[in-house]
PDB file of N, CA and C in Angstrom:
ATOM      1  N   MET A   1     -22.671  -3.415  11.308  1.00  0.00           N
ATOM      2  CA  MET A   1     -23.181  -2.770  10.120  1.00  0.00           C
ATOM      3  C   MET A   1     -22.056  -1.930   9.508  1.00  0.00           C
ATOM      4  N   PRO A   2     -21.918  -1.938   8.178  1.00  0.00           N
ATOM      5  CA  PRO A   2     -20.877  -1.131   7.549  1.00  0.00           C
ATOM      6  C   PRO A   2     -21.033   0.343   7.900  1.00  0.00           C
ATOM      7  N   GLU A   3     -19.937   0.971   8.161  1.00  0.00           N
ATOM      8  CA  GLU A   3     -19.944   2.371   8.562  1.00  0.00           C
ATOM      9  C   GLU A   3     -20.302   3.297   7.401  1.00  0.00           C
ATOM     10  N   PHE A   4     -20.058   2.870   6.154  1.00  0.00           N
ATOM     11  CA  PHE A   4     -20.356   3.763   5.035  1.00  0.00           C
ATOM     12  C   PHE A   4     -21.842   4.010   4.851  1.00  0.00           C
ATOM     13  N   LEU A   5     -22.687   3.246   5.537  1.00  0.00           N
ATOM     14  CA  LEU A   5     -24.125   3.509   5.486  1.00  0.00           C
ATOM     15  C   LEU A   5     -24.514   4.711   6.340  1.00  0.00           C
ATOM     16  N   ASN A   6     -23.651   5.106   7.245  1.00  0.00           N
ATOM     17  CA  ASN A   6     -23.873   6.279   8.076  1.00  0.00           C
ATOM     18  C   ASN A   6     -23.505   7.517   7.261  1.00  0.00           C
ATOM     19  N   PRO A   7     -24.457   8.396   6.939  1.00  0.00           N
ATOM     20  CA  PRO A   7     -24.147   9.550   6.096  1.00  0.00           C
ATOM     21  C   PRO A   7     -23.185  10.533   6.740  1.00  0.00           C
ATOM     22  N   PHE A   8     -22.941  10.401   8.033  1.00  0.00           N
ATOM     23  CA  PHE A   8     -22.049  11.329   8.720  1.00  0.00           C
ATOM     24  C   PHE A   8     -20.654  10.757   8.937  1.00  0.00           C
ATOM     25  N   SER A   9     -20.441   9.493   8.522  1.00  0.00           N
ATOM     26  CA  SER A   9     -19.146   8.868   8.786  1.00  0.00           C
ATOM     27  C   SER A   9     -18.017   9.517   7.996  1.00  0.00           C
ATOM     28  N   GLY A  10     -18.344  10.133   6.851  1.00  0.00           N
ATOM     29  CA  GLY A  10     -17.319  10.755   6.029  1.00  0.00           C
ATOM     30  C   GLY A  10     -17.098  12.223   6.329  1.00  0.00           C
ATOM     31  N   VAL A  11     -17.813  12.766   7.286  1.00  0.00           N
ATOM     32  CA  VAL A  11     -17.660  14.177   7.626  1.00  0.00           C
ATOM     33  C   VAL A  11     -16.388  14.340   8.446  1.00  0.00           C
ATOM     34  N   VAL A  12     -15.496  15.120   7.924  1.00  0.00           N
ATOM     35  CA  VAL A  12     -14.208  15.331   8.577  1.00  0.00           C
ATOM     36  C   VAL A  12     -14.319  16.549   9.485  1.00  0.00           C
ATOM     37  N   PRO A  13     -13.998  16.390  10.773  1.00  0.00           N
ATOM     38  CA  PRO A  13     -14.153  17.509  11.706  1.00  0.00           C
ATOM     39  C   PRO A  13     -13.147  18.635  11.490  1.00  0.00           C
ATOM     40  N   ARG A  14     -12.015  18.323  10.838  1.00  0.00           N
ATOM     41  CA  ARG A  14     -10.995  19.344  10.583  1.00  0.00           C
ATOM     42  C   ARG A  14     -10.040  18.814   9.528  1.00  0.00           C
ATOM     43  N   LYS A  15      -9.233  19.674   8.983  1.00  0.00           N
ATOM     44  CA  LYS A  15      -8.217  19.279   8.022  1.00  0.00           C
ATOM     45  C   LYS A  15      -7.055  18.617   8.762  1.00  0.00           C
ATOM     46  N   MET A  16      -6.420  17.650   8.110  1.00  0.00           N
ATOM     47  CA  MET A  16      -5.260  16.996   8.718  1.00  0.00           C
ATOM     48  C   MET A  16      -4.036  17.889   8.598  1.00  0.00           C
ATOM     49  N   THR A  17      -3.168  17.771   9.574  1.00  0.00           N
ATOM     50  CA  THR A  17      -1.873  18.428   9.459  1.00  0.00           C
ATOM     51  C   THR A  17      -1.033  17.613   8.484  1.00  0.00           C
ATOM     52  N   LYS A  18       0.069  18.166   8.055  1.00  0.00           N
ATOM     53  CA  LYS A  18       0.951  17.439   7.143  1.00  0.00           C
ATOM     54  C   LYS A  18       1.457  16.160   7.801  1.00  0.00           C
ATOM     55  N   ALA A  19       1.804  16.229   9.072  1.00  0.00           N
ATOM     56  CA  ALA A  19       2.284  15.038   9.793  1.00  0.00           C
ATOM     57  C   ALA A  19       1.192  13.970   9.861  1.00  0.00           C
ATOM     58  N   GLU A  20      -0.044  14.379  10.082  1.00  0.00           N
ATOM     59  CA  GLU A  20      -1.158  13.424  10.123  1.00  0.00           C
ATOM     60  C   GLU A  20      -1.392  12.811   8.744  1.00  0.00           C
ATOM     61  N   LEU A  21      -1.266  13.629   7.709  1.00  0.00           N
ATOM     62  CA  LEU A  21      -1.429  13.125   6.349  1.00  0.00           C
ATOM     63  C   LEU A  21      -0.358  12.090   6.024  1.00  0.00           C
ATOM     64  N   ILE A  22       0.864  12.357   6.407  1.00  0.00           N
ATOM     65  CA  ILE A  22       1.955  11.408   6.173  1.00  0.00           C
ATOM     66  C   ILE A  22       1.673  10.091   6.900  1.00  0.00           C
ATOM     67  N   ARG A  23       1.217  10.162   8.140  1.00  0.00           N
ATOM     68  CA  ARG A  23       0.867   8.932   8.876  1.00  0.00           C
ATOM     69  C   ARG A  23      -0.295   8.211   8.202  1.00  0.00           C
ATOM     70  N   ALA A  24      -1.270   8.975   7.717  1.00  0.00           N
ATOM     71  CA  ALA A  24      -2.419   8.366   7.045  1.00  0.00           C
ATOM     72  C   ALA A  24      -1.982   7.660   5.766  1.00  0.00           C
ATOM     73  N   ILE A  25      -1.074   8.257   5.027  1.00  0.00           N
ATOM     74  CA  ILE A  25      -0.585   7.628   3.802  1.00  0.00           C
ATOM     75  C   ILE A  25       0.157   6.343   4.125  1.00  0.00           C
ATOM     76  N   ARG A  26       0.954   6.348   5.183  1.00  0.00           N
ATOM     77  CA  ARG A  26       1.631   5.109   5.598  1.00  0.00           C
ATOM     78  C   ARG A  26       0.606   4.030   5.938  1.00  0.00           C
ATOM     79  N   LEU A  27      -0.451   4.397   6.599  1.00  0.00           N
ATOM     80  CA  LEU A  27      -1.519   3.449   6.928  1.00  0.00           C
ATOM     81  C   LEU A  27      -2.200   2.961   5.656  1.00  0.00           C
ATOM     82  N   ASN A  28      -2.413   3.862   4.698  1.00  0.00           N
ATOM     83  CA  ASN A  28      -3.007   3.467   3.417  1.00  0.00           C
ATOM     84  C   ASN A  28      -2.123   2.459   2.695  1.00  0.00           C
ATOM     85  N   ILE A  29      -0.814   2.670   2.732  1.00  0.00           N
ATOM     86  CA  ILE A  29       0.120   1.736   2.100  1.00  0.00           C
ATOM     87  C   ILE A  29       0.006   0.367   2.761  1.00  0.00           C
ATOM     88  N   ALA A  30      -0.047   0.353   4.086  1.00  0.00           N
ATOM     89  CA  ALA A  30      -0.189  -0.924   4.807  1.00  0.00           C
ATOM     90  C   ALA A  30      -1.497  -1.616   4.439  1.00  0.00           C
ATOM     91  N   ALA A  31      -2.572  -0.829   4.312  1.00  0.00           N
ATOM     92  CA  ALA A  31      -3.873  -1.405   3.958  1.00  0.00           C
ATOM     93  C   ALA A  31      -3.845  -1.996   2.548  1.00  0.00           C
ATOM     94  N   GLU A  32      -3.167  -1.326   1.628  1.00  0.00           N
ATOM     95  CA  GLU A  32      -3.057  -1.845   0.266  1.00  0.00           C
ATOM     96  C   GLU A  32      -2.253  -3.153   0.259  1.00  0.00           C
ATOM     97  N   HIS A  33      -1.169  -3.205   1.031  1.00  0.00           N
ATOM     98  CA  HIS A  33      -0.396  -4.447   1.134  1.00  0.00           C
ATOM     99  C   HIS A  33      -1.265  -5.570   1.701  1.00  0.00           C
ATOM    100  N   GLU A  34      -2.053  -5.248   2.702  1.00  0.00           N
ATOM    101  CA  GLU A  34      -2.944  -6.254   3.295  1.00  0.00           C
ATOM    102  C   GLU A  34      -3.956  -6.741   2.257  1.00  0.00           C
ATOM    103  N   ALA A  35      -4.480  -5.823   1.447  1.00  0.00           N
ATOM    104  CA  ALA A  35      -5.442  -6.211   0.419  1.00  0.00           C
ATOM    105  C   ALA A  35      -4.784  -7.121  -0.618  1.00  0.00           C
ATOM    106  N   VAL A  36      -3.547  -6.806  -1.022  1.00  0.00           N
ATOM    107  CA  VAL A  36      -2.826  -7.666  -1.968  1.00  0.00           C
ATOM    108  C   VAL A  36      -2.696  -9.072  -1.383  1.00  0.00           C
ATOM    109  N   HIS A  37      -2.288  -9.146  -0.134  1.00  0.00           N
ATOM    110  CA  HIS A  37      -2.138 -10.444   0.525  1.00  0.00           C
ATOM    111  C   HIS A  37      -3.457 -11.211   0.525  1.00  0.00           C
ATOM    112  N   LEU A  38      -4.532 -10.542   0.869  1.00  0.00           N
ATOM    113  CA  LEU A  38      -5.847 -11.178   0.939  1.00  0.00           C
ATOM    114  C   LEU A  38      -6.293 -11.679  -0.433  1.00  0.00           C
ATOM    115  N   TYR A  39      -6.199 -10.825  -1.449  1.00  0.00           N
ATOM    116  CA  TYR A  39      -6.661 -11.219  -2.781  1.00  0.00           C
ATOM    117  C   TYR A  39      -5.809 -12.347  -3.361  1.00  0.00           C
ATOM    118  N   MET A  40      -4.500 -12.299  -3.137  1.00  0.00           N
ATOM    119  CA  MET A  40      -3.640 -13.367  -3.655  1.00  0.00           C
ATOM    120  C   MET A  40      -3.886 -14.673  -2.913  1.00  0.00           C
ATOM    121  N   ALA A  41      -4.161 -14.599  -1.618  1.00  0.00           N
ATOM    122  CA  ALA A  41      -4.492 -15.808  -0.863  1.00  0.00           C
ATOM    123  C   ALA A  41      -5.774 -16.420  -1.407  1.00  0.00           C
ATOM    124  N   HIS A  42      -6.742 -15.579  -1.733  1.00  0.00           N
ATOM    125  CA  HIS A  42      -7.990 -16.089  -2.313  1.00  0.00           C
ATOM    126  C   HIS A  42      -7.727 -16.688  -3.689  1.00  0.00           C
ATOM    127  N   ALA A  43      -6.916 -16.010  -4.502  1.00  0.00           N
ATOM    128  CA  ALA A  43      -6.599 -16.523  -5.836  1.00  0.00           C
ATOM    129  C   ALA A  43      -5.903 -17.881  -5.741  1.00  0.00           C
ATOM    130  N   ASP A  44      -5.002 -18.029  -4.781  1.00  0.00           N
ATOM    131  CA  ASP A  44      -4.294 -19.296  -4.593  1.00  0.00           C
ATOM    132  C   ASP A  44      -5.214 -20.409  -4.107  1.00  0.00           C
ATOM    133  N   ALA A  45      -6.329 -20.026  -3.497  1.00  0.00           N
ATOM    134  CA  ALA A  45      -7.204 -21.013  -2.860  1.00  0.00           C
ATOM    135  C   ALA A  45      -8.364 -21.470  -3.738  1.00  0.00           C
ATOM    136  N   VAL A  46      -8.422 -21.002  -4.996  1.00  0.00           N
ATOM    137  CA  VAL A  46      -9.542 -21.386  -5.855  1.00  0.00           C
ATOM    138  C   VAL A  46      -9.050 -22.138  -7.082  1.00  0.00           C
ATOM    139  N   ASP A  47      -9.924 -23.000  -7.588  1.00  0.00           N
ATOM    140  CA  ASP A  47      -9.637 -23.725  -8.820  1.00  0.00           C
ATOM    141  C   ASP A  47     -10.212 -23.017 -10.043  1.00  0.00           C
ATOM    142  N   ASP A  48     -11.152 -22.127  -9.830  1.00  0.00           N
ATOM    143  CA  ASP A  48     -11.826 -21.444 -10.933  1.00  0.00           C
ATOM    144  C   ASP A  48     -10.856 -20.452 -11.587  1.00  0.00           C
ATOM    145  N   ALA A  49     -10.555 -20.671 -12.868  1.00  0.00           N
ATOM    146  CA  ALA A  49      -9.574 -19.848 -13.578  1.00  0.00           C
ATOM    147  C   ALA A  49     -10.007 -18.388 -13.686  1.00  0.00           C
ATOM    148  N   LEU A  50     -11.288 -18.142 -13.934  1.00  0.00           N
ATOM    149  CA  LEU A  50     -11.766 -16.763 -14.035  1.00  0.00           C
ATOM    150  C   LEU A  50     -11.635 -16.045 -12.699  1.00  0.00           C
ATOM    151  N   ALA A  51     -12.040 -16.701 -11.620  1.00  0.00           N
ATOM    152  CA  ALA A  51     -11.934 -16.086 -10.287  1.00  0.00           C
ATOM    153  C   ALA A  51     -10.470 -15.774  -9.980  1.00  0.00           C
ATOM    154  N   ARG A  52      -9.582 -16.703 -10.287  1.00  0.00           N
ATOM    155  CA  ARG A  52      -8.157 -16.485 -10.034  1.00  0.00           C
ATOM    156  C   ARG A  52      -7.656 -15.287 -10.838  1.00  0.00           C
ATOM    157  N   LYS A  53      -8.063 -15.209 -12.108  1.00  0.00           N
ATOM    158  CA  LYS A  53      -7.631 -14.108 -12.972  1.00  0.00           C
ATOM    159  C   LYS A  53      -8.131 -12.765 -12.445  1.00  0.00           C
ATOM    160  N   VAL A  54      -9.388 -12.701 -12.058  1.00  0.00           N
ATOM    161  CA  VAL A  54      -9.966 -11.453 -11.550  1.00  0.00           C
ATOM    162  C   VAL A  54      -9.299 -11.055 -10.235  1.00  0.00           C
ATOM    163  N   LEU A  55      -9.141 -11.997  -9.327  1.00  0.00           N
ATOM    164  CA  LEU A  55      -8.517 -11.696  -8.032  1.00  0.00           C
ATOM    165  C   LEU A  55      -7.074 -11.224  -8.206  1.00  0.00           C
ATOM    166  N   THR A  56      -6.349 -11.860  -9.118  1.00  0.00           N
ATOM    167  CA  THR A  56      -4.961 -11.450  -9.364  1.00  0.00           C
ATOM    168  C   THR A  56      -4.914 -10.057  -9.989  1.00  0.00           C
ATOM    169  N   ASP A  57      -5.843  -9.774 -10.898  1.00  0.00           N
ATOM    170  CA  ASP A  57      -5.916  -8.448 -11.508  1.00  0.00           C
ATOM    171  C   ASP A  57      -6.204  -7.379 -10.460  1.00  0.00           C
ATOM    172  N   ILE A  58      -7.110  -7.665  -9.553  1.00  0.00           N
ATOM    173  CA  ILE A  58      -7.431  -6.708  -8.485  1.00  0.00           C
ATOM    174  C   ILE A  58      -6.218  -6.507  -7.584  1.00  0.00           C
ATOM    175  N   ALA A  59      -5.510  -7.587  -7.266  1.00  0.00           N
ATOM    176  CA  ALA A  59      -4.298  -7.469  -6.447  1.00  0.00           C
ATOM    177  C   ALA A  59      -3.266  -6.583  -7.151  1.00  0.00           C
ATOM    178  N   ASP A  60      -3.139  -6.748  -8.469  1.00  0.00           N
ATOM    179  CA  ASP A  60      -2.206  -5.911  -9.229  1.00  0.00           C
ATOM    180  C   ASP A  60      -2.611  -4.438  -9.171  1.00  0.00           C
ATOM    181  N   GLU A  61      -3.911  -4.167  -9.211  1.00  0.00           N
ATOM    182  CA  GLU A  61      -4.378  -2.787  -9.087  1.00  0.00           C
ATOM    183  C   GLU A  61      -4.011  -2.210  -7.723  1.00  0.00           C
ATOM    184  N   GLU A  62      -4.093  -3.038  -6.685  1.00  0.00           N
ATOM    185  CA  GLU A  62      -3.703  -2.579  -5.346  1.00  0.00           C
ATOM    186  C   GLU A  62      -2.208  -2.247  -5.325  1.00  0.00           C
ATOM    187  N   ARG A  63      -1.413  -3.031  -6.053  1.00  0.00           N
ATOM    188  CA  ARG A  63       0.023  -2.737  -6.134  1.00  0.00           C
ATOM    189  C   ARG A  63       0.254  -1.382  -6.801  1.00  0.00           C
ATOM    190  N   GLU A  64      -0.558  -1.075  -7.809  1.00  0.00           N
ATOM    191  CA  GLU A  64      -0.452   0.252  -8.432  1.00  0.00           C
ATOM    192  C   GLU A  64      -0.774   1.339  -7.408  1.00  0.00           C
ATOM    193  N   HIS A  65      -1.782   1.103  -6.596  1.00  0.00           N
ATOM    194  CA  HIS A  65      -2.127   2.073  -5.548  1.00  0.00           C
ATOM    195  C   HIS A  65      -0.948   2.271  -4.604  1.00  0.00           C
ATOM    196  N   ILE A  66      -0.267   1.182  -4.263  1.00  0.00           N
ATOM    197  CA  ILE A  66       0.910   1.287  -3.394  1.00  0.00           C
ATOM    198  C   ILE A  66       1.933   2.221  -4.036  1.00  0.00           C
ATOM    199  N   GLY A  67       2.153   2.047  -5.332  1.00  0.00           N
ATOM    200  CA  GLY A  67       3.087   2.925  -6.039  1.00  0.00           C
ATOM    201  C   GLY A  67       2.657   4.382  -5.994  1.00  0.00           C
ATOM    202  N   GLU A  68       1.373   4.624  -6.154  1.00  0.00           N
ATOM    203  CA  GLU A  68       0.868   6.000  -6.087  1.00  0.00           C
ATOM    204  C   GLU A  68       1.074   6.591  -4.695  1.00  0.00           C
ATOM    205  N   PHE A  69       0.733   5.808  -3.682  1.00  0.00           N
ATOM    206  CA  PHE A  69       0.921   6.295  -2.307  1.00  0.00           C
ATOM    207  C   PHE A  69       2.400   6.514  -1.995  1.00  0.00           C
ATOM    208  N   MET A  70       3.256   5.615  -2.479  1.00  0.00           N
ATOM    209  CA  MET A  70       4.692   5.758  -2.216  1.00  0.00           C
ATOM    210  C   MET A  70       5.227   7.038  -2.853  1.00  0.00           C
ATOM    211  N   GLU A  71       4.780   7.331  -4.071  1.00  0.00           N
ATOM    212  CA  GLU A  71       5.232   8.562  -4.725  1.00  0.00           C
ATOM    213  C   GLU A  71       4.710   9.798  -3.991  1.00  0.00           C
ATOM    214  N   LEU A  72       3.468   9.745  -3.547  1.00  0.00           N
ATOM    215  CA  LEU A  72       2.930  10.864  -2.776  1.00  0.00           C
ATOM    216  C   LEU A  72       3.705  11.033  -1.481  1.00  0.00           C
ATOM    217  N   LEU A  73       3.998   9.929  -0.819  1.00  0.00           N
ATOM    218  CA  LEU A  73       4.779   9.994   0.418  1.00  0.00           C
ATOM    219  C   LEU A  73       6.168  10.574   0.150  1.00  0.00           C
ATOM    220  N   ARG A  74       6.789  10.152  -0.952  1.00  0.00           N
ATOM    221  CA  ARG A  74       8.117  10.675  -1.306  1.00  0.00           C
ATOM    222  C   ARG A  74       8.071  12.192  -1.498  1.00  0.00           C
ATOM    223  N   ARG A  75       6.995  12.680  -2.104  1.00  0.00           N
ATOM    224  CA  ARG A  75       6.890  14.110  -2.344  1.00  0.00           C
ATOM    225  C   ARG A  75       6.582  14.896  -1.073  1.00  0.00           C
ATOM    226  N   LEU A  76       5.804  14.307  -0.184  1.00  0.00           N
ATOM    227  CA  LEU A  76       5.433  15.000   1.059  1.00  0.00           C
ATOM    228  C   LEU A  76       6.521  14.890   2.129  1.00  0.00           C
ATOM    229  N   ALA A  77       7.277  13.802   2.093  1.00  0.00           N
ATOM    230  CA  ALA A  77       8.284  13.549   3.125  1.00  0.00           C
ATOM    231  C   ALA A  77       9.573  13.069   2.453  1.00  0.00           C
ATOM    232  N   PRO A  78      10.362  13.996   1.911  1.00  0.00           N
ATOM    233  CA  PRO A  78      11.581  13.604   1.190  1.00  0.00           C
ATOM    234  C   PRO A  78      12.531  12.735   2.020  1.00  0.00           C
ATOM    235  N   GLU A  79      12.528  12.910   3.324  1.00  0.00           N
ATOM    236  CA  GLU A  79      13.400  12.091   4.171  1.00  0.00           C
ATOM    237  C   GLU A  79      13.014  10.613   4.096  1.00  0.00           C
ATOM    238  N   GLU A  80      11.763  10.346   3.800  1.00  0.00           N
ATOM    239  CA  GLU A  80      11.287   8.972   3.635  1.00  0.00           C
ATOM    240  C   GLU A  80      12.004   8.321   2.453  1.00  0.00           C
ATOM    241  N   ALA A  81      12.104   9.054   1.354  1.00  0.00           N
ATOM    242  CA  ALA A  81      12.783   8.541   0.169  1.00  0.00           C
ATOM    243  C   ALA A  81      14.256   8.288   0.463  1.00  0.00           C
ATOM    244  N   GLU A  82      14.858   9.170   1.239  1.00  0.00           N
ATOM    245  CA  GLU A  82      16.271   8.997   1.589  1.00  0.00           C
ATOM    246  C   GLU A  82      16.468   7.726   2.409  1.00  0.00           C
ATOM    247  N   LEU A  83      15.578   7.465   3.353  1.00  0.00           N
ATOM    248  CA  LEU A  83      15.687   6.254   4.174  1.00  0.00           C
ATOM    249  C   LEU A  83      15.445   4.999   3.349  1.00  0.00           C
ATOM    250  N   LEU A  84      14.469   5.046   2.458  1.00  0.00           N
ATOM    251  CA  LEU A  84      14.205   3.902   1.592  1.00  0.00           C
ATOM    252  C   LEU A  84      15.392   3.623   0.682  1.00  0.00           C
ATOM    253  N   GLU A  85      16.001   4.667   0.164  1.00  0.00           N
ATOM    254  CA  GLU A  85      17.172   4.504  -0.691  1.00  0.00           C
ATOM    255  C   GLU A  85      18.343   3.927   0.103  1.00  0.00           C
ATOM    256  N   ALA A  86      18.515   4.375   1.342  1.00  0.00           N
ATOM    257  CA  ALA A  86      19.580   3.825   2.187  1.00  0.00           C
ATOM    258  C   ALA A  86      19.360   2.330   2.416  1.00  0.00           C
ATOM    259  N   GLY A  87      18.127   1.934   2.654  1.00  0.00           N
ATOM    260  CA  GLY A  87      17.818   0.521   2.829  1.00  0.00           C
ATOM    261  C   GLY A  87      18.062  -0.278   1.562  1.00  0.00           C
ATOM    262  N   ARG A  88      17.691   0.294   0.414  1.00  0.00           N
ATOM    263  CA  ARG A  88      17.924  -0.373  -0.865  1.00  0.00           C
ATOM    264  C   ARG A  88      19.411  -0.608  -1.082  1.00  0.00           C
ATOM    265  N   LYS A  89      20.224   0.406  -0.776  1.00  0.00           N
ATOM    266  CA  LYS A  89      21.674   0.290  -0.952  1.00  0.00           C
ATOM    267  C   LYS A  89      22.264  -0.770  -0.020  1.00  0.00           C
ATOM    268  N   GLU A  90      21.749  -0.868   1.193  1.00  0.00           N
ATOM    269  CA  GLU A  90      22.230  -1.891   2.116  1.00  0.00           C
ATOM    270  C   GLU A  90      22.007  -3.292   1.551  1.00  0.00           C
ATOM    271  N   VAL A  91      20.835  -3.515   0.998  1.00  0.00           N
ATOM    272  CA  VAL A  91      20.530  -4.828   0.408  1.00  0.00           C
ATOM    273  C   VAL A  91      21.408  -5.065  -0.815  1.00  0.00           C
ATOM    274  N   GLU A  92      21.618  -4.026  -1.595  1.00  0.00           N
ATOM    275  CA  GLU A  92      22.475  -4.145  -2.784  1.00  0.00           C
ATOM    276  C   GLU A  92      23.887  -4.563  -2.366  1.00  0.00           C
ATOM    277  N   GLU A  93      24.423  -3.953  -1.313  1.00  0.00           N
ATOM    278  CA  GLU A  93      25.759  -4.309  -0.821  1.00  0.00           C
ATOM    279  C   GLU A  93      25.775  -5.759  -0.313  1.00  0.00           C
ATOM    280  N   MET A  94      24.753  -6.163   0.405  1.00  0.00           N
ATOM    281  CA  MET A  94      24.684  -7.538   0.891  1.00  0.00           C
ATOM    282  C   MET A  94      24.622  -8.530  -0.265  1.00  0.00           C
ATOM    283  N   ALA A  95      23.863  -8.152  -1.307  1.00  0.00           N
ATOM    284  CA  ALA A  95      23.727  -9.034  -2.466  1.00  0.00           C
ATOM    285  C   ALA A  95      25.075  -9.199  -3.176  1.00  0.00           C
ATOM    286  N   ARG A  96      25.829  -8.128  -3.273  1.00  0.00           N
ATOM    287  CA  ARG A  96      27.161  -8.218  -3.886  1.00  0.00           C
ATOM    288  C   ARG A  96      28.067  -9.119  -3.067  1.00  0.00           C
ATOM    289  N   GLY A  97      27.936  -9.059  -1.745  1.00  0.00           N
ATOM    290  CA  GLY A  97      28.755  -9.896  -0.867  1.00  0.00           C
ATOM    291  C   GLY A  97      28.359 -11.359  -0.915  1.00  0.00           C
ATOM    292  N   ALA A  98      27.119 -11.634  -1.324  1.00  0.00           N
ATOM    293  CA  ALA A  98      26.632 -13.009  -1.365  1.00  0.00           C
ATOM    294  C   ALA A  98      26.978 -13.707  -2.681  1.00  0.00           C
ATOM    295  N   GLU A  99      27.505 -12.953  -3.639  1.00  0.00           N
ATOM    296  CA  GLU A  99      27.804 -13.542  -4.957  1.00  0.00           C
ATOM    297  C   GLU A  99      29.062 -14.352  -4.953  1.00  0.00           C
TER     298      GLU A  99
END
């Protein structure tokens, strides 16, 4: 049975610490990526043009959520942004070497 039918499932026993919030946001980002994968797989698996359009639109909305979570994570954990930027630069250097 879905847990949201339980009126007590949303009761939070305490506030999260900043570290817990950062971990939760990372989990939210992973969940949004999983949702994009699921919706796009469904869109790829149907012939109905309207269903494909709606599923793709929903997947795009999930991508927007990823952007929102990433920005929140960047603001809460600046070191995260530094690591992501370091990774981006590594790929940029590899791409220059592959040309």
